[in-house]
């Protein structure tokens, strides 16, 4: 039906523009929310592994600013409980703040 071709074209365009792309595969036997959380945690895991690379640092700073301006501290704490790699990143970026 052409869906795969469209996705491949979209991915190549995103990669050419240095976008980060999340890939997920939904399974009928697994709750979709858990798949989404695993993918998001893996996404933030990329930044944990690549935190010393300037481009990864810059991207995480943009993402973290967006997160911090969109939610309050309680929501951030809850999000960090669901996404351990996000918690690691915020702790690495701000070691004196262990409230996340």
N, C-alpha and C. Protein backbone atom coordinates (compact mmCIF):
# COMPACT_ATOMS: atom_id res chain seq x y z
N UNK A 1 0.82 -1.20 0.00
CA UNK A 1 0.00 0.00 0.00
C UNK A 1 0.85 1.26 0.00
N UNK A 2 2.17 1.13 0.03
CA UNK A 2 3.05 2.29 -0.07
C UNK A 2 3.42 2.92 1.26
N UNK A 3 2.88 2.40 2.37
CA UNK A 3 3.19 3.00 3.68
C UNK A 3 4.68 2.89 3.99
N UNK A 4 5.27 1.74 3.73
CA UNK A 4 6.69 1.56 4.02
C UNK A 4 7.55 2.51 3.20
N UNK A 5 7.18 2.71 1.94
CA UNK A 5 7.94 3.63 1.08
C UNK A 5 7.87 5.06 1.61
N UNK A 6 6.70 5.45 2.06
CA UNK A 6 6.53 6.80 2.61
C UNK A 6 7.37 6.96 3.87
N UNK A 7 7.34 5.95 4.73
CA UNK A 7 8.12 6.01 5.98
C UNK A 7 9.61 6.07 5.67
N UNK A 8 10.09 5.25 4.73
CA UNK A 8 11.51 5.28 4.37
C UNK A 8 11.92 6.65 3.84
N UNK A 9 11.09 7.25 3.02
CA UNK A 9 11.38 8.58 2.48
C UNK A 9 11.40 9.62 3.60
N UNK A 10 10.43 9.53 4.48
CA UNK A 10 10.36 10.45 5.60
C UNK A 10 11.59 10.30 6.51
N UNK A 11 11.98 9.06 6.79
CA UNK A 11 13.15 8.82 7.62
C UNK A 11 14.42 9.37 6.99
N UNK A 12 14.59 9.17 5.70
CA UNK A 12 15.80 9.69 5.05
C UNK A 12 15.82 11.21 5.09
N UNK A 13 14.67 11.83 4.95
CA UNK A 13 14.58 13.29 5.04
C UNK A 13 14.90 13.76 6.46
N UNK A 14 14.37 13.06 7.45
CA UNK A 14 14.66 13.43 8.85
C UNK A 14 16.15 13.27 9.15
N UNK A 15 16.73 12.16 8.72
CA UNK A 15 18.16 11.93 8.96
C UNK A 15 19.01 12.97 8.26
N UNK A 16 18.63 13.36 7.05
CA UNK A 16 19.38 14.37 6.31
C UNK A 16 19.37 15.72 7.02
N UNK A 17 18.33 15.97 7.79
CA UNK A 17 18.21 17.24 8.52
C UNK A 17 18.62 17.10 9.99
N UNK A 18 19.32 15.99 10.33
CA UNK A 18 19.81 15.73 11.68
C UNK A 18 18.72 15.68 12.74
N UNK A 19 17.55 15.17 12.35
CA UNK A 19 16.48 14.97 13.32
C UNK A 19 16.70 13.63 14.01
N UNK A 20 16.22 13.54 15.23
CA UNK A 20 16.22 12.27 15.95
C UNK A 20 14.87 11.62 15.72
N UNK A 21 14.86 10.33 15.45
CA UNK A 21 13.63 9.63 15.12
C UNK A 21 13.44 8.47 16.09
N UNK A 22 12.25 8.38 16.67
CA UNK A 22 11.90 7.25 17.53
C UNK A 22 11.27 6.16 16.67
N UNK A 23 11.70 4.92 16.87
CA UNK A 23 11.11 3.80 16.16
C UNK A 23 10.41 2.91 17.17
N UNK A 24 9.18 2.55 16.88
CA UNK A 24 8.41 1.68 17.76
C UNK A 24 7.67 0.65 16.93
N UNK A 25 7.49 -0.49 17.53
CA UNK A 25 6.66 -1.51 16.91
C UNK A 25 5.64 -1.93 17.95
N UNK A 26 4.39 -1.74 17.62
CA UNK A 26 3.33 -2.10 18.55
C UNK A 26 2.95 -3.55 18.37
N UNK A 27 2.75 -4.21 19.48
CA UNK A 27 2.38 -5.61 19.51
C UNK A 27 0.98 -5.71 20.11
N UNK A 28 0.16 -6.50 19.54
CA UNK A 28 -1.22 -6.63 20.04
C UNK A 28 -1.26 -7.24 21.45
N UNK A 29 -0.20 -7.94 21.83
CA UNK A 29 -0.17 -8.61 23.13
C UNK A 29 0.38 -7.72 24.24
N UNK A 30 1.01 -6.60 23.89
CA UNK A 30 1.64 -5.72 24.87
C UNK A 30 0.88 -4.40 24.90
N UNK A 31 0.73 -3.86 26.09
CA UNK A 31 0.02 -2.58 26.23
C UNK A 31 0.78 -1.49 25.49
N UNK A 32 0.11 -0.73 24.62
CA UNK A 32 0.78 0.31 23.83
C UNK A 32 1.53 1.33 24.67
N UNK A 33 1.02 1.65 25.87
CA UNK A 33 1.71 2.62 26.71
C UNK A 33 3.09 2.12 27.12
N UNK A 34 3.20 0.83 27.42
CA UNK A 34 4.51 0.30 27.81
C UNK A 34 5.49 0.36 26.65
N UNK A 35 5.02 0.13 25.44
CA UNK A 35 5.89 0.23 24.26
C UNK A 35 6.36 1.67 24.08
N UNK A 36 5.46 2.60 24.25
CA UNK A 36 5.81 4.02 24.13
C UNK A 36 6.83 4.41 25.21
N UNK A 37 6.60 3.98 26.45
CA UNK A 37 7.53 4.31 27.53
C UNK A 37 8.90 3.69 27.29
N UNK A 38 8.94 2.46 26.82
CA UNK A 38 10.23 1.81 26.52
C UNK A 38 10.97 2.57 25.43
N UNK A 39 10.24 3.00 24.42
CA UNK A 39 10.87 3.74 23.32
C UNK A 39 11.38 5.10 23.78
N UNK A 40 10.59 5.78 24.59
CA UNK A 40 11.04 7.08 25.11
C UNK A 40 12.24 6.92 26.03
N UNK A 41 12.23 5.87 26.85
CA UNK A 41 13.37 5.64 27.74
C UNK A 41 14.62 5.33 26.92
N UNK A 42 14.47 4.54 25.86
CA UNK A 42 15.60 4.26 24.97
C UNK A 42 16.09 5.54 24.30
N UNK A 43 15.17 6.41 23.92
CA UNK A 43 15.51 7.69 23.32
C UNK A 43 16.39 8.50 24.28
N UNK A 44 15.97 8.60 25.54
CA UNK A 44 16.77 9.34 26.51
C UNK A 44 18.06 8.60 26.85
N UNK A 45 18.05 7.27 26.72
CA UNK A 45 19.27 6.49 26.92
C UNK A 45 20.34 6.87 25.91
N UNK A 46 19.93 7.24 24.70
CA UNK A 46 20.89 7.72 23.69
C UNK A 46 21.68 8.90 24.25
N UNK A 47 20.99 9.81 24.91
CA UNK A 47 21.66 10.99 25.46
C UNK A 47 22.55 10.65 26.64
N UNK A 48 22.15 9.65 27.44
CA UNK A 48 23.00 9.20 28.54
C UNK A 48 24.32 8.69 27.97
N UNK A 49 24.24 7.86 26.94
CA UNK A 49 25.44 7.28 26.33
C UNK A 49 26.27 8.30 25.57
N UNK A 50 25.62 9.34 25.03
CA UNK A 50 26.30 10.29 24.14
C UNK A 50 26.46 11.67 24.77
N UNK A 51 26.32 11.76 26.08
CA UNK A 51 26.24 13.08 26.72
C UNK A 51 27.50 13.93 26.54
N UNK A 52 28.62 13.32 26.22
CA UNK A 52 29.84 14.10 26.03
C UNK A 52 29.98 14.65 24.61
N UNK A 53 29.13 14.20 23.71
CA UNK A 53 29.16 14.70 22.34
C UNK A 53 28.42 16.04 22.29
N UNK A 54 29.06 17.07 21.73
CA UNK A 54 28.42 18.40 21.71
C UNK A 54 27.03 18.43 21.07
N UNK A 55 26.83 17.70 19.99
CA UNK A 55 25.51 17.73 19.33
C UNK A 55 24.45 17.08 20.21
N UNK A 56 24.80 16.01 20.91
CA UNK A 56 23.85 15.35 21.82
C UNK A 56 23.55 16.26 23.00
N UNK A 57 24.58 16.93 23.51
CA UNK A 57 24.39 17.85 24.63
C UNK A 57 23.45 18.99 24.25
N UNK A 58 23.69 19.55 23.09
CA UNK A 58 22.86 20.65 22.60
C UNK A 58 21.41 20.20 22.40
N UNK A 59 21.23 19.03 21.82
CA UNK A 59 19.87 18.50 21.62
C UNK A 59 19.17 18.27 22.94
N UNK A 60 19.89 17.67 23.91
CA UNK A 60 19.26 17.42 25.20
C UNK A 60 18.90 18.72 25.90
N UNK A 61 19.75 19.72 25.79
CA UNK A 61 19.44 21.01 26.41
C UNK A 61 18.16 21.60 25.83
N UNK A 62 17.98 21.50 24.52
CA UNK A 62 16.74 22.00 23.90
C UNK A 62 15.54 21.20 24.38
N UNK A 63 15.68 19.88 24.41
CA UNK A 63 14.59 19.02 24.83
C UNK A 63 14.25 19.28 26.30
N UNK A 64 15.28 19.38 27.15
CA UNK A 64 15.02 19.58 28.57
C UNK A 64 14.37 20.93 28.83
N UNK A 65 14.78 21.96 28.10
CA UNK A 65 14.11 23.28 28.25
C UNK A 65 12.63 23.16 27.89
N UNK A 66 12.34 22.44 26.82
CA UNK A 66 10.93 22.26 26.42
C UNK A 66 10.15 21.51 27.48
N UNK A 67 10.76 20.49 28.04
CA UNK A 67 10.09 19.72 29.10
C UNK A 67 9.85 20.61 30.31
N UNK A 68 10.89 21.31 30.75
CA UNK A 68 10.80 22.11 31.97
C UNK A 68 9.83 23.28 31.85
N UNK A 69 9.64 23.80 30.64
CA UNK A 69 8.68 24.89 30.48
C UNK A 69 7.26 24.38 30.28
N UNK A 70 7.12 23.08 30.07
CA UNK A 70 5.79 22.51 29.80
C UNK A 70 5.13 21.85 31.01
N UNK A 71 5.94 21.44 31.98
CA UNK A 71 5.37 20.71 33.12
C UNK A 71 5.95 21.25 34.42
N UNK A 72 5.25 21.00 35.53
CA UNK A 72 5.74 21.44 36.83
C UNK A 72 6.66 20.36 37.43
N UNK A 73 7.23 20.66 38.61
CA UNK A 73 8.19 19.73 39.23
C UNK A 73 7.57 18.39 39.59
N UNK A 74 6.32 18.40 40.01
CA UNK A 74 5.67 17.13 40.36
C UNK A 74 5.53 16.24 39.13
N UNK A 75 5.12 16.84 38.02
CA UNK A 75 5.00 16.06 36.77
C UNK A 75 6.36 15.57 36.30
N UNK A 76 7.38 16.42 36.45
CA UNK A 76 8.72 16.00 36.06
C UNK A 76 9.16 14.80 36.91
N UNK A 77 8.89 14.86 38.19
CA UNK A 77 9.24 13.75 39.07
C UNK A 77 8.53 12.46 38.64
N UNK A 78 7.25 12.56 38.32
CA UNK A 78 6.50 11.39 37.87
C UNK A 78 7.04 10.87 36.54
N UNK A 79 7.37 11.77 35.64
CA UNK A 79 7.93 11.38 34.35
C UNK A 79 9.26 10.67 34.54
N UNK A 80 10.08 11.18 35.45
CA UNK A 80 11.37 10.55 35.71
C UNK A 80 11.23 9.18 36.35
N UNK A 81 10.15 8.95 37.09
CA UNK A 81 9.90 7.61 37.63
C UNK A 81 9.58 6.63 36.51
N UNK A 82 8.89 7.09 35.49
CA UNK A 82 8.53 6.24 34.36
C UNK A 82 9.68 6.04 33.38
N UNK A 83 10.58 7.03 33.32
CA UNK A 83 11.67 7.02 32.35
C UNK A 83 13.01 7.14 33.08
N UNK A 84 13.59 6.03 33.53
CA UNK A 84 14.84 6.09 34.31
C UNK A 84 15.98 6.83 33.62
N UNK A 85 16.08 6.72 32.30
CA UNK A 85 17.15 7.42 31.60
C UNK A 85 16.95 8.94 31.62
N UNK A 86 15.72 9.39 31.62
CA UNK A 86 15.46 10.82 31.74
C UNK A 86 15.92 11.31 33.12
N UNK A 87 15.62 10.53 34.13
CA UNK A 87 16.08 10.87 35.49
C UNK A 87 17.60 10.96 35.54
N UNK A 88 18.28 9.98 34.95
CA UNK A 88 19.75 10.01 34.93
C UNK A 88 20.25 11.29 34.27
N UNK A 89 19.63 11.67 33.17
CA UNK A 89 20.07 12.87 32.46
C UNK A 89 19.90 14.13 33.29
N UNK A 90 18.76 14.26 33.94
CA UNK A 90 18.55 15.44 34.76
C UNK A 90 19.51 15.45 35.95
N UNK A 91 19.81 14.29 36.51
CA UNK A 91 20.78 14.23 37.60
C UNK A 91 22.18 14.55 37.11
N UNK A 92 22.53 14.09 35.92
CA UNK A 92 23.85 14.40 35.36
C UNK A 92 23.98 15.89 35.06
N UNK A 93 22.88 16.48 34.58
CA UNK A 93 22.92 17.90 34.23
C UNK A 93 22.88 18.80 35.45
N UNK A 94 22.29 18.31 36.54
CA UNK A 94 22.10 19.12 37.74
C UNK A 94 22.29 18.23 38.97
N UNK A 95 23.53 17.83 39.29
CA UNK A 95 23.76 16.83 40.32
C UNK A 95 23.27 17.23 41.72
N UNK A 96 23.19 18.52 42.02
CA UNK A 96 22.75 18.93 43.35
C UNK A 96 21.24 18.81 43.53
N UNK A 97 20.50 18.57 42.44
CA UNK A 97 19.05 18.44 42.53
C UNK A 97 18.67 16.97 42.44
N UNK A 98 18.40 16.35 43.59
CA UNK A 98 18.04 14.94 43.57
C UNK A 98 16.53 14.75 43.72
N UNK A 99 15.77 15.82 43.47
CA UNK A 99 14.30 15.73 43.62
C UNK A 99 13.61 15.13 42.41
N UNK A 100 14.35 14.88 41.32
CA UNK A 100 13.73 14.30 40.12
C UNK A 100 13.70 12.80 40.19
